[in-house]
Amino acid sequence: MEDRSTTGSWRNKLGFWKWAIASVLFRLILTYFSKNLNLSSRPEVSTPLTSLRRLAEGYWLKQLSMSPYSGSMYHGSPLLLSILGPLTVKKIGGLSSELLCRCRIHAACTARLHLLSSQPKLCQFHILYLDFFVRISLSSVKNQHTFGYSLVSVVADFISAILIRATGTSLVRAHLHNCKALGLDKLCKGNEAVPSGDVAALVYLWNPFTIVSCIGFNTSAIENMFVVMSLYGASAGIVPLAAFGWVVSSHLSLYPIVLVIPVVFLLGYGLDAPPRKLFAQSNLKGGEKISADHAELKSLNDKFSKTYFSWRRVVTFFFWAFVWTSYVLIMCAISMKEYGGLGEMFKRTYGFILAIEDLSPNIGVLWYFFAEVFDFFRNFFLIVFHVNILFMILPLAIRLNHRPCFLAFLYLAVSSMLKSYPSVGDSALYLSLLVLFVNELAEMQFTFFLFCGYVGISLLSPVMHNLWIWRGTGNANFYFATAIGYACFQIILVVESVSAMLNHDRKIRKLCNNV
């Protein structure tokens, strides 16, 4: 029997790596055709915060000794300019191809104006040729994305999947030990057949949202990697890694700052487990008749799920968070020394996020609302929408403090629903984290309805955008309707997943009372 189980586990591992490598190859193949797909211009894929086009523009401005935030194009971290900026241009004769292309555009426009002023009748062919040259040059500037950044996105997705797999493995192991400690061996048999870590990692790698974000030339893959890194570090007890991932992810997109609560619960209490009072009740029932096997299981349970709060690890986490925050701010201050300092960076990044200055269409609902609201009420509704996220944090933390990883999924889903500039990359992350709890959420309702809803929105959104922007046969309400539907499906997902998890805890409580 042991040989069969070992052989089965090896087959599962080989199957996982085959599919993981296939997903990497699939991404590399799609990257070759990325210019034809033109996903970088899709509002569902790229946002004003994650667009690589805007990052390339900011890097170009910085190369010309100008502020990267000039012109209100770039609103990301200045550290990304130094790390990813060189990957957005190619070198030709010591100069960037983008700079050469802009020089050619300037020369072509100057020649066109000269021809129009001197010989307006005899040079129509030359003028048409120069117009064609300008358009081709502008197209080459827009599509100046090298293979280097595509490779970075593929690597980031692969690292995220591996960390999700490791986190899922730890969650399954902890769940099995907790069930055995409570004497619920029957509940553990079904969970051994579903390696939720492997499934969640493959869902992340093969999710169409993840794939289009990877080849859509944006920074969503990197932001997701640091979020997953924080959760993995907290679940594995690697405090410096958890603090580093949390600080960097919060620095890049602000909203992951709410993950400090589930990270603190992970470090303080341990991995997800049934309500902690059930373990105290089982110990009281056992009394002095606890066998050696049960004592061993109890020690394993203390390892995975603590009934006490470990303040030492939490204090260490905040110490490392302070260290990494100081380091990030110092690096940003050095990068922005000649362009307004940290004050300019905060105004152009976090201020841009909170003020919702860019009202270009996206898959969220805030762009339409603030395009229609009167300016007199704008500040009031800004406070309402941002505080709405904070209102959900405390009740969920109180009710689900014993399941910090599931709490992190909820926070990410709520943030994706109410953030200023959402994209499908946000949904790709929380959907993969949801699969980590496939065993606990086996009785979740409306799963097929939600699946069809996400697929339908994914197909309708580009169609409605095309009817509105390009064909002119629709209006903004066409595209906003898909955004409303998308938000409704996310609300249903959050409500049903919380309900299913609470029902699972109630089921465990009833089984413990019957033991």
Protein backbone atom coordinates (compact mmCIF):
# COMPACT_ATOMS: atom_id res chain seq x y z
CA MET A 1 0.00 0.00 0.00
CA GLU A 2 2.84 2.39 0.82
CA ASP A 3 4.48 1.62 -2.53
CA ARG A 4 1.24 2.40 -4.33
CA SER A 5 0.79 5.69 -2.48
CA THR A 6 4.40 6.65 -3.18
CA THR A 7 3.97 5.83 -6.87
CA GLY A 8 0.77 7.87 -6.99
CA SER A 9 2.43 10.86 -5.36
CA TRP A 10 5.30 10.71 -7.84
CA ARG A 11 2.83 10.56 -10.72
CA ASN A 12 1.02 13.61 -9.34
CA LYS A 13 4.30 15.52 -9.05
CA LEU A 14 5.35 14.59 -12.59
CA GLY A 15 1.92 15.55 -13.89
CA PHE A 16 2.13 18.92 -12.18
CA TRP A 17 5.55 19.73 -13.61
CA LYS A 18 4.48 18.68 -17.09
CA TRP A 19 1.52 21.06 -17.03
CA ALA A 20 3.59 23.82 -15.42
CA ILE A 21 6.30 23.62 -18.08
CA ALA A 22 3.64 23.46 -20.80
CA SER A 23 2.11 26.69 -19.47
CA VAL A 24 5.50 28.41 -19.63
CA LEU A 25 6.03 27.27 -23.22
CA PHE A 26 2.51 28.37 -24.11
CA ARG A 27 3.22 31.84 -22.75
CA LEU A 28 6.48 32.09 -24.69
CA ILE A 29 4.69 31.12 -27.91
CA LEU A 30 1.96 33.71 -27.33
CA THR A 31 4.60 36.33 -26.56
CA TYR A 32 5.90 35.95 -30.09
CA PHE A 33 2.46 36.96 -31.41
CA SER A 34 1.75 39.55 -28.71
CA LYS A 35 1.96 42.50 -31.14
CA ASN A 36 -0.76 40.95 -33.29
CA LEU A 37 -2.97 40.32 -30.27
CA ASN A 38 -2.53 43.95 -29.08
CA LEU A 39 -3.59 43.09 -25.53
CA SER A 40 -1.57 45.95 -24.06
CA SER A 41 -4.22 48.41 -25.24
CA ARG A 42 -7.15 46.54 -23.69
CA PRO A 43 -8.65 48.35 -20.66
CA GLU A 44 -9.39 44.99 -19.03
CA VAL A 45 -5.70 44.04 -19.10
CA SER A 46 -3.71 47.26 -18.64
CA THR A 47 -4.53 50.13 -16.30
CA PRO A 48 -2.93 53.55 -15.78
CA LEU A 49 -0.95 52.00 -12.92
CA THR A 50 0.21 48.77 -14.57
CA SER A 51 0.60 49.68 -18.25
CA LEU A 52 4.08 49.05 -19.63
CA ARG A 53 3.50 51.72 -22.26
CA ARG A 54 3.22 54.32 -19.53
CA LEU A 55 6.27 52.87 -17.79
CA ALA A 56 8.24 53.18 -21.04
CA GLU A 57 7.09 56.80 -21.36
CA GLY A 58 8.18 57.54 -17.79
CA TYR A 59 11.55 55.92 -18.40
CA TRP A 60 11.99 57.95 -21.60
CA LEU A 61 11.23 61.18 -19.72
CA LYS A 62 13.71 60.26 -17.01
CA GLN A 63 16.38 59.57 -19.64
CA LEU A 64 15.83 63.14 -20.89
CA SER A 65 16.46 64.47 -17.34
CA MET A 66 12.77 65.21 -16.83
CA SER A 67 10.46 64.07 -14.07
CA PRO A 68 8.99 60.65 -14.93
CA TYR A 69 5.64 61.93 -13.65
CA SER A 70 5.54 64.84 -16.12
CA GLY A 71 2.50 64.88 -18.36
CA SER A 72 0.44 62.61 -16.09
CA MET A 73 1.40 59.46 -18.01
CA TYR A 74 3.29 57.35 -15.46
CA HIS A 75 1.97 56.76 -11.95
CA GLY A 76 3.93 53.73 -10.76
CA SER A 77 6.88 53.28 -8.49
CA PRO A 78 10.16 54.99 -9.44
CA LEU A 79 11.94 51.75 -8.58
CA LEU A 80 10.19 50.00 -11.47
CA LEU A 81 11.65 52.59 -13.83
CA SER A 82 15.17 51.64 -12.79
CA ILE A 83 14.53 47.89 -12.87
CA LEU A 84 12.12 47.42 -15.78
CA GLY A 85 12.74 50.60 -17.75
CA PRO A 86 15.83 49.32 -19.60
CA LEU A 87 13.82 46.28 -20.75
CA THR A 88 11.34 48.46 -22.65
CA VAL A 89 13.84 49.82 -25.21
CA LYS A 90 16.45 48.44 -27.58
CA LYS A 91 19.88 49.88 -28.23
CA ILE A 92 20.91 50.85 -31.77
CA GLY A 93 24.29 52.46 -32.16
CA GLY A 94 24.45 53.39 -28.49
CA LEU A 95 21.04 55.14 -28.54
CA SER A 96 17.64 53.73 -27.66
CA SER A 97 15.51 52.78 -30.64
CA GLU A 98 12.62 54.76 -29.14
CA LEU A 99 14.73 57.91 -29.02
CA LEU A 100 15.91 57.36 -32.60
CA CYS A 101 12.33 56.79 -33.69
CA ARG A 102 11.18 60.02 -32.05
CA CYS A 103 14.03 61.92 -33.75
CA ARG A 104 12.92 60.49 -37.09
CA ILE A 105 9.34 61.51 -36.40
CA HIS A 106 10.47 65.06 -35.60
CA ALA A 107 12.57 65.22 -38.77
CA ALA A 108 9.72 63.84 -40.89
CA CYS A 109 7.22 66.34 -39.48
CA THR A 110 9.65 69.22 -40.05
CA ALA A 111 10.20 68.12 -43.67
CA ARG A 112 6.46 67.82 -44.23
CA LEU A 113 5.83 71.35 -43.00
CA HIS A 114 8.66 72.66 -45.21
CA LEU A 115 7.22 70.94 -48.29
CA LEU A 116 3.73 72.23 -47.61
CA SER A 117 4.98 75.80 -47.28
CA SER A 118 7.36 75.79 -50.29
CA GLN A 119 5.82 73.52 -52.96
CA PRO A 120 2.25 72.60 -52.05
CA LYS A 121 1.31 71.24 -55.49
CA LEU A 122 4.38 69.32 -56.69
CA CYS A 123 5.17 67.23 -53.64
CA GLN A 124 1.97 65.33 -52.89
CA PHE A 125 3.71 61.96 -53.29
CA HIS A 126 6.48 62.98 -50.91
CA ILE A 127 3.96 64.29 -48.41
CA LEU A 128 2.01 61.03 -48.50
CA TYR A 129 5.23 59.10 -48.07
CA LEU A 130 6.20 61.21 -45.05
CA ASP A 131 2.73 60.77 -43.54
CA PHE A 132 3.08 57.01 -43.93
CA PHE A 133 6.54 57.15 -42.36
CA VAL A 134 5.25 59.09 -39.35
CA ARG A 135 2.45 56.58 -38.77
CA ILE A 136 4.80 53.61 -39.01
CA SER A 137 7.23 55.30 -36.61
CA LEU A 138 4.47 56.03 -34.10
CA SER A 139 3.33 52.41 -34.33
CA SER A 140 6.85 51.20 -33.66
CA VAL A 141 7.06 53.47 -30.60
CA LYS A 142 3.81 52.07 -29.21
CA ASN A 143 4.92 48.45 -29.78
CA GLN A 144 8.47 48.90 -28.50
CA HIS A 145 8.24 46.06 -25.98
CA THR A 146 11.13 43.67 -26.00
CA PHE A 147 11.24 39.98 -25.28
CA GLY A 148 13.12 40.73 -22.05
CA TYR A 149 10.10 42.02 -20.15
CA SER A 150 7.92 39.21 -21.47
CA LEU A 151 10.41 36.77 -20.00
CA VAL A 152 10.26 38.64 -16.68
CA SER A 153 6.46 38.29 -16.62
CA VAL A 154 6.66 34.57 -17.41
CA VAL A 155 9.19 34.01 -14.62
CA ALA A 156 7.06 36.03 -12.18
CA ASP A 157 3.98 33.93 -12.98
CA PHE A 158 5.95 30.72 -12.56
CA ILE A 159 7.37 31.81 -9.19
CA SER A 160 3.89 32.81 -8.02
CA ALA A 161 2.54 29.40 -8.98
CA ILE A 162 5.33 27.59 -7.11
CA LEU A 163 4.71 29.68 -3.98
CA ILE A 164 0.95 29.06 -4.23
CA ARG A 165 1.65 25.33 -4.52
CA ALA A 166 3.90 25.38 -1.45
CA THR A 167 1.30 27.33 0.53
CA GLY A 168 -1.42 24.89 -0.52
CA THR A 169 0.69 21.91 0.50
CA SER A 170 1.16 23.42 3.96
CA LEU A 171 -2.57 24.11 4.25
CA VAL A 172 -3.50 20.52 3.31
CA ARG A 173 -0.96 19.09 5.75
CA ALA A 174 -2.23 21.34 8.53
CA HIS A 175 -5.84 20.44 7.76
CA LEU A 176 -5.11 16.71 7.95
CA HIS A 177 -3.31 17.04 11.28
CA ASN A 178 -6.07 19.22 12.71
CA CYS A 179 -8.76 16.70 11.72
CA LYS A 180 -6.80 13.84 13.26
CA ALA A 181 -6.24 15.83 16.44
CA LEU A 182 -9.98 16.33 16.73
CA GLY A 183 -10.63 12.65 16.03
CA LEU A 184 -12.26 13.29 12.65
CA ASP A 185 -10.42 10.68 10.61
CA LYS A 186 -13.36 10.19 8.23
CA LEU A 187 -13.21 13.84 7.21
CA CYS A 188 -9.55 13.46 6.24
CA LYS A 189 -9.95 10.59 3.78
CA GLY A 190 -11.62 12.67 1.10
CA ASN A 191 -9.10 15.49 1.41
CA GLU A 192 -6.09 13.28 0.62
CA ALA A 193 -7.37 12.74 -2.93
CA VAL A 194 -7.38 16.47 -3.82
CA PRO A 195 -3.95 18.18 -3.64
CA SER A 196 -5.32 21.70 -3.51
CA GLY A 197 -1.84 23.23 -3.79
CA ASP A 198 -1.16 21.60 -7.15
CA VAL A 199 -4.64 22.43 -8.43
CA ALA A 200 -4.41 26.07 -7.32
CA ALA A 201 -0.98 26.50 -8.93
CA LEU A 202 -2.18 25.03 -12.23
CA VAL A 203 -5.33 27.17 -12.11
CA TYR A 204 -3.11 30.22 -11.73
CA LEU A 205 -0.84 29.18 -14.59
CA TRP A 206 -3.65 28.25 -17.01
CA ASN A 207 -6.17 30.88 -16.03
CA PRO A 208 -6.93 32.98 -19.15
CA PHE A 209 -6.85 36.09 -16.97
CA THR A 210 -3.30 35.29 -15.89
CA ILE A 211 -2.18 34.50 -19.43
CA VAL A 212 -3.52 37.71 -20.98
CA SER A 213 -2.00 39.71 -18.13
CA CYS A 214 1.35 38.03 -18.72
CA ILE A 215 1.47 38.73 -22.46
CA GLY A 216 -0.40 42.06 -22.18
CA PHE A 217 2.74 44.00 -21.19
CA ASN A 218 1.80 45.18 -17.72
CA THR A 219 3.17 44.86 -14.20
CA SER A 220 0.29 42.82 -12.73
CA ALA A 221 2.37 39.62 -12.74
CA ILE A 222 5.07 41.27 -10.62
CA GLU A 223 2.59 42.74 -8.15
CA ASN A 224 0.86 39.36 -7.77
CA MET A 225 4.21 37.68 -7.19
CA PHE A 226 4.98 39.89 -4.20
CA VAL A 227 1.50 39.37 -2.73
CA VAL A 228 1.90 35.60 -2.95
CA MET A 229 5.43 35.90 -1.57
CA SER A 230 4.07 37.64 1.51
CA LEU A 231 1.45 34.95 2.13
CA TYR A 232 3.95 32.15 1.57
CA GLY A 233 6.48 33.72 3.92
CA ALA A 234 3.85 34.08 6.63
CA SER A 235 2.52 30.52 6.19
CA ALA A 236 6.04 29.06 6.19
CA GLY A 237 7.16 31.14 9.16
CA ILE A 238 9.81 33.05 7.16
CA VAL A 239 9.19 36.44 8.74
CA PRO A 240 11.66 38.56 6.69
CA LEU A 241 10.22 37.21 3.43
CA ALA A 242 6.66 37.88 4.58
CA ALA A 243 7.55 41.45 5.53
CA PHE A 244 9.42 42.02 2.26
CA GLY A 245 6.54 40.79 0.10
CA TRP A 246 4.00 42.84 2.03
CA VAL A 247 6.04 46.05 1.90
CA VAL A 248 6.86 45.81 -1.82
CA SER A 249 3.32 44.81 -2.87
CA SER A 250 1.85 47.67 -0.82
CA HIS A 251 4.40 50.05 -2.31
CA LEU A 252 3.51 49.05 -5.86
CA SER A 253 -0.29 49.16 -5.68
CA LEU A 254 -1.29 50.39 -2.16
CA TYR A 255 -4.29 48.05 -1.69
CA PRO A 256 -2.29 45.01 -0.43
CA ILE A 257 -1.64 47.02 2.72
CA VAL A 258 -4.86 45.48 4.12
CA LEU A 259 -3.15 42.07 4.02
CA VAL A 260 -1.28 43.00 7.20
CA ILE A 261 -4.19 41.52 9.20
CA PRO A 262 -4.14 37.98 7.69
CA VAL A 263 -0.33 38.02 7.70
CA VAL A 264 -0.32 38.87 11.41
CA PHE A 265 -2.86 36.09 12.07
CA LEU A 266 -0.71 33.63 10.12
CA LEU A 267 2.35 34.51 12.14
CA GLY A 268 0.51 34.71 15.44
CA TYR A 269 -1.89 31.76 15.27
CA GLY A 270 -0.55 29.62 12.44
CA LEU A 271 -2.23 28.19 9.34
CA ASP A 272 -5.96 27.87 8.75
CA ALA A 273 -7.71 25.55 11.22
CA PRO A 274 -11.15 24.89 12.71
CA PRO A 275 -12.22 27.21 15.55
CA ARG A 276 -9.60 27.04 18.29
CA LYS A 277 -12.10 26.37 21.08
CA LEU A 278 -12.77 22.93 19.55
CA PHE A 279 -9.22 21.86 20.39
CA ALA A 280 -9.67 22.93 24.00
CA GLN A 281 -12.93 20.96 24.20
CA SER A 282 -11.29 17.86 22.73
CA ASN A 283 -8.50 18.09 25.30
CA LEU A 284 -11.02 18.33 28.14
CA LYS A 285 -12.92 15.32 26.83
CA GLY A 286 -9.76 13.27 26.57
CA GLY A 287 -8.63 14.04 30.11
CA GLU A 288 -5.98 11.65 31.38
CA LYS A 289 -6.89 8.96 28.83
CA ILE A 290 -4.97 10.59 26.02
CA SER A 291 -2.87 7.95 24.31
CA ALA A 292 0.65 8.38 22.99
CA ASP A 293 -0.65 8.67 19.40
CA HIS A 294 -3.13 11.33 20.38
CA ALA A 295 -0.43 13.24 22.26
CA GLU A 296 1.74 13.14 19.15
CA LEU A 297 -1.13 14.46 17.05
CA LYS A 298 -1.70 17.18 19.63
CA SER A 299 1.92 18.30 19.35
CA LEU A 300 1.61 18.38 15.56
CA ASN A 301 -1.56 20.42 15.90
CA ASP A 302 0.25 22.91 18.11
CA LYS A 303 2.81 23.24 15.34
CA PHE A 304 0.26 24.05 12.64
CA SER A 305 -2.44 25.82 14.64
CA LYS A 306 -1.62 27.58 17.91
CA THR A 307 -4.28 28.20 20.53
CA TYR A 308 -2.14 31.07 21.81
CA PHE A 309 -0.95 34.17 19.98
CA SER A 310 2.77 34.38 19.21
CA TRP A 311 3.58 38.04 19.83
CA ARG A 312 7.27 37.46 19.27
CA ARG A 313 6.86 36.58 15.60
CA VAL A 314 4.46 39.49 15.07
CA VAL A 315 6.88 41.98 16.63
CA THR A 316 9.65 40.53 14.45
CA PHE A 317 7.41 40.98 11.41
CA PHE A 318 6.84 44.67 12.15
CA PHE A 319 10.56 45.15 12.75
CA TRP A 320 11.38 43.70 9.33
CA ALA A 321 8.52 45.68 7.78
CA PHE A 322 10.06 48.85 9.18
CA VAL A 323 13.47 47.84 7.80
CA TRP A 324 12.14 47.08 4.31
CA THR A 325 9.95 50.20 4.28
CA SER A 326 12.91 52.37 5.19
CA TYR A 327 15.00 50.75 2.49
CA VAL A 328 12.30 51.23 -0.17
CA LEU A 329 11.73 54.86 0.80
CA ILE A 330 15.46 55.60 0.76
CA MET A 331 15.80 54.09 -2.71
CA CYS A 332 12.79 56.10 -3.92
CA ALA A 333 14.19 59.28 -2.38
CA ILE A 334 17.49 58.75 -4.20
CA SER A 335 15.67 58.08 -7.47
CA MET A 336 13.42 61.16 -7.07
CA LYS A 337 16.06 63.48 -5.63
CA GLU A 338 16.06 65.78 -8.67
CA TYR A 339 12.33 65.52 -9.42
CA GLY A 340 10.51 66.69 -6.30
CA GLY A 341 11.45 64.01 -3.78
CA LEU A 342 9.15 61.66 -1.93
CA GLY A 343 6.35 64.24 -1.76
CA GLU A 344 6.05 64.26 -5.53
CA MET A 345 6.10 60.47 -5.62
CA PHE A 346 3.31 60.14 -3.03
CA LYS A 347 1.20 62.71 -4.84
CA ARG A 348 1.65 61.10 -8.27
CA THR A 349 1.21 57.49 -7.14
CA TYR A 350 -0.93 57.06 -4.02
CA GLY A 351 -2.66 60.41 -4.53
CA PHE A 352 -3.48 59.36 -8.08
CA ILE A 353 -4.99 56.11 -6.77
CA LEU A 354 -7.08 57.69 -4.03
CA ALA A 355 -8.26 60.71 -6.04
CA ILE A 356 -9.25 58.60 -9.11
CA GLU A 357 -7.99 61.26 -11.49
CA ASP A 358 -7.97 59.06 -14.60
CA LEU A 359 -11.54 58.26 -15.69
CA SER A 360 -10.64 56.13 -18.68
CA PRO A 361 -12.86 53.02 -18.96
CA ASN A 362 -11.89 49.83 -17.11
CA ILE A 363 -13.64 46.78 -15.72
CA GLY A 364 -14.40 48.58 -12.46
CA VAL A 365 -17.40 50.74 -11.65
CA LEU A 366 -15.77 53.88 -10.23
CA TRP A 367 -14.75 55.46 -13.55
CA TYR A 368 -18.37 55.75 -14.71
CA PHE A 369 -19.67 56.91 -11.36
CA PHE A 370 -17.16 59.73 -10.97
CA ALA A 371 -17.62 60.76 -14.59
CA GLU A 372 -21.30 61.38 -13.82
CA VAL A 373 -21.16 62.72 -10.26
CA PHE A 374 -21.18 66.46 -9.62
CA ASP A 375 -17.84 67.96 -8.59
CA PHE A 376 -19.42 69.29 -5.40
CA PHE A 377 -20.04 65.72 -4.16
CA ARG A 378 -16.82 64.18 -5.53
CA ASN A 379 -14.78 64.29 -2.31
CA PHE A 380 -17.66 62.87 -0.29
CA PHE A 381 -18.08 59.84 -2.56
CA LEU A 382 -14.30 59.33 -2.70
CA ILE A 383 -14.35 58.91 1.06
CA VAL A 384 -17.40 56.63 0.90
CA PHE A 385 -15.91 54.24 -1.67
CA HIS A 386 -12.50 54.00 -0.03
CA VAL A 387 -13.86 53.64 3.50
CA ASN A 388 -16.19 50.92 2.22
CA ILE A 389 -13.18 48.61 1.96
CA LEU A 390 -12.15 49.41 5.52
CA PHE A 391 -15.66 48.70 6.82
CA MET A 392 -15.39 45.09 5.62
CA ILE A 393 -12.00 44.42 7.16
CA LEU A 394 -12.90 44.32 10.85
CA PRO A 395 -16.04 42.10 10.72
CA LEU A 396 -14.34 39.54 8.48
CA ALA A 397 -11.24 39.55 10.70
CA ILE A 398 -13.30 38.92 13.83
CA ARG A 399 -15.35 36.11 12.29
CA LEU A 400 -12.56 34.36 10.34
CA ASN A 401 -9.46 35.01 12.44
CA HIS A 402 -8.85 31.24 12.59
CA ARG A 403 -8.57 31.08 8.78
CA PRO A 404 -6.04 33.77 7.81
CA CYS A 405 -5.28 32.47 4.30
CA PHE A 406 -8.98 32.43 3.45
CA LEU A 407 -9.21 35.91 4.97
CA ALA A 408 -6.44 37.06 2.61
CA PHE A 409 -8.46 35.73 -0.33
CA LEU A 410 -11.49 37.73 0.82
CA TYR A 411 -9.49 40.93 1.22
CA LEU A 412 -8.01 40.56 -2.25
CA ALA A 413 -11.44 39.90 -3.78
CA VAL A 414 -13.02 42.90 -2.05
CA SER A 415 -10.10 45.14 -3.02
CA SER A 416 -10.31 43.97 -6.62
CA MET A 417 -13.99 44.83 -6.65
CA LEU A 418 -13.66 48.35 -5.17
CA LYS A 419 -10.19 49.50 -6.22
CA SER A 420 -9.73 52.52 -8.45
CA TYR A 421 -8.10 50.82 -11.44
CA PRO A 422 -8.83 47.07 -11.46
CA SER A 423 -7.70 44.58 -14.08
CA VAL A 424 -8.16 40.90 -14.82
CA GLY A 425 -4.77 40.25 -13.19
CA ASP A 426 -6.37 40.99 -9.80
CA SER A 427 -9.08 38.42 -10.45
CA ALA A 428 -6.50 35.85 -11.56
CA LEU A 429 -4.81 36.06 -8.17
CA TYR A 430 -7.81 35.72 -5.88
CA LEU A 431 -9.40 32.99 -8.02
CA SER A 432 -6.27 30.86 -7.66
CA LEU A 433 -6.21 31.45 -3.90
CA LEU A 434 -9.85 30.36 -3.75
CA VAL A 435 -8.87 26.96 -5.17
CA LEU A 436 -6.62 26.43 -2.14
CA PHE A 437 -9.81 25.75 -0.20
CA VAL A 438 -11.39 23.36 -2.66
CA ASN A 439 -11.74 20.75 0.11
CA GLU A 440 -13.44 23.11 2.56
CA LEU A 441 -15.67 24.72 -0.08
CA ALA A 442 -16.83 21.48 -1.66
CA GLU A 443 -20.46 22.32 -0.83
CA MET A 444 -20.30 25.87 -2.17
CA GLN A 445 -23.39 26.83 -4.19
CA PHE A 446 -23.72 28.63 -7.54
CA THR A 447 -20.27 27.51 -8.72
CA PHE A 448 -21.45 26.71 -12.25
CA PHE A 449 -23.41 29.96 -12.38
CA LEU A 450 -20.33 31.93 -11.32
CA PHE A 451 -18.15 30.12 -13.86
CA CYS A 452 -20.55 30.92 -16.67
CA GLY A 453 -20.80 34.49 -15.45
CA TYR A 454 -17.04 35.06 -15.52
CA VAL A 455 -16.81 33.51 -18.98
CA GLY A 456 -19.72 35.58 -20.27
CA ILE A 457 -18.28 38.84 -18.93
CA SER A 458 -14.89 37.99 -20.44
CA LEU A 459 -16.49 37.59 -23.86
CA LEU A 460 -18.94 40.48 -23.68
CA SER A 461 -16.58 43.12 -22.35
CA PRO A 462 -14.39 43.40 -25.50
CA VAL A 463 -17.50 43.34 -27.69
CA MET A 464 -19.19 46.19 -25.81
CA HIS A 465 -15.98 48.20 -25.79
CA ASN A 466 -15.66 47.77 -29.55
CA LEU A 467 -19.26 48.82 -30.15
CA TRP A 468 -18.79 51.93 -28.04
CA ILE A 469 -15.28 53.16 -28.90
CA TRP A 470 -14.59 51.94 -32.42
CA ARG A 471 -17.87 51.30 -34.22
CA GLY A 472 -19.84 54.07 -32.55
CA THR A 473 -23.04 52.00 -32.49
CA GLY A 474 -23.17 51.93 -28.69
CA ASN A 475 -22.49 54.20 -25.75
CA ALA A 476 -20.77 54.10 -22.37
CA ASN A 477 -23.71 52.26 -20.82
CA PHE A 478 -22.95 49.22 -22.98
CA TYR A 479 -19.50 48.80 -21.48
CA PHE A 480 -20.56 49.88 -18.00
CA ALA A 481 -23.21 47.14 -17.99
CA THR A 482 -20.48 44.50 -18.24
CA ALA A 483 -18.60 46.22 -15.40
CA ILE A 484 -21.73 46.12 -13.23
CA GLY A 485 -22.23 42.45 -14.04
CA TYR A 486 -18.61 41.71 -13.23
CA ALA A 487 -18.92 43.44 -9.84
CA CYS A 488 -22.13 41.50 -9.08
CA PHE A 489 -20.46 38.17 -9.80
CA GLN A 490 -17.59 39.10 -7.49
CA ILE A 491 -20.04 39.98 -4.72
CA ILE A 492 -21.80 36.62 -5.16
CA LEU A 493 -18.45 34.83 -5.08
CA VAL A 494 -17.43 36.50 -1.82
CA VAL A 495 -20.78 35.92 -0.11
CA GLU A 496 -21.10 32.28 -1.16
CA SER A 497 -17.50 31.42 -0.28
CA VAL A 498 -17.86 32.91 3.21
CA SER A 499 -21.16 31.09 3.70
CA ALA A 500 -19.64 27.77 2.57
CA MET A 501 -16.63 28.18 4.87
CA LEU A 502 -18.83 28.98 7.88
CA ASN A 503 -21.00 25.95 7.09
CA HIS A 504 -17.87 23.82 6.96
CA ASP A 505 -16.87 25.05 10.43
CA ARG A 506 -20.35 24.26 11.73
CA LYS A 507 -20.11 20.77 10.27
CA ILE A 508 -16.81 20.20 12.08
CA ARG A 509 -18.33 21.50 15.31
CA LYS A 510 -21.24 19.04 15.07
CA LEU A 511 -18.90 16.14 14.33
CA CYS A 512 -16.75 17.04 17.32
CA ASN A 513 -19.78 17.08 19.60
CA ASN A 514 -20.75 13.61 18.37
CA VAL A 515 -17.28 12.12 18.92
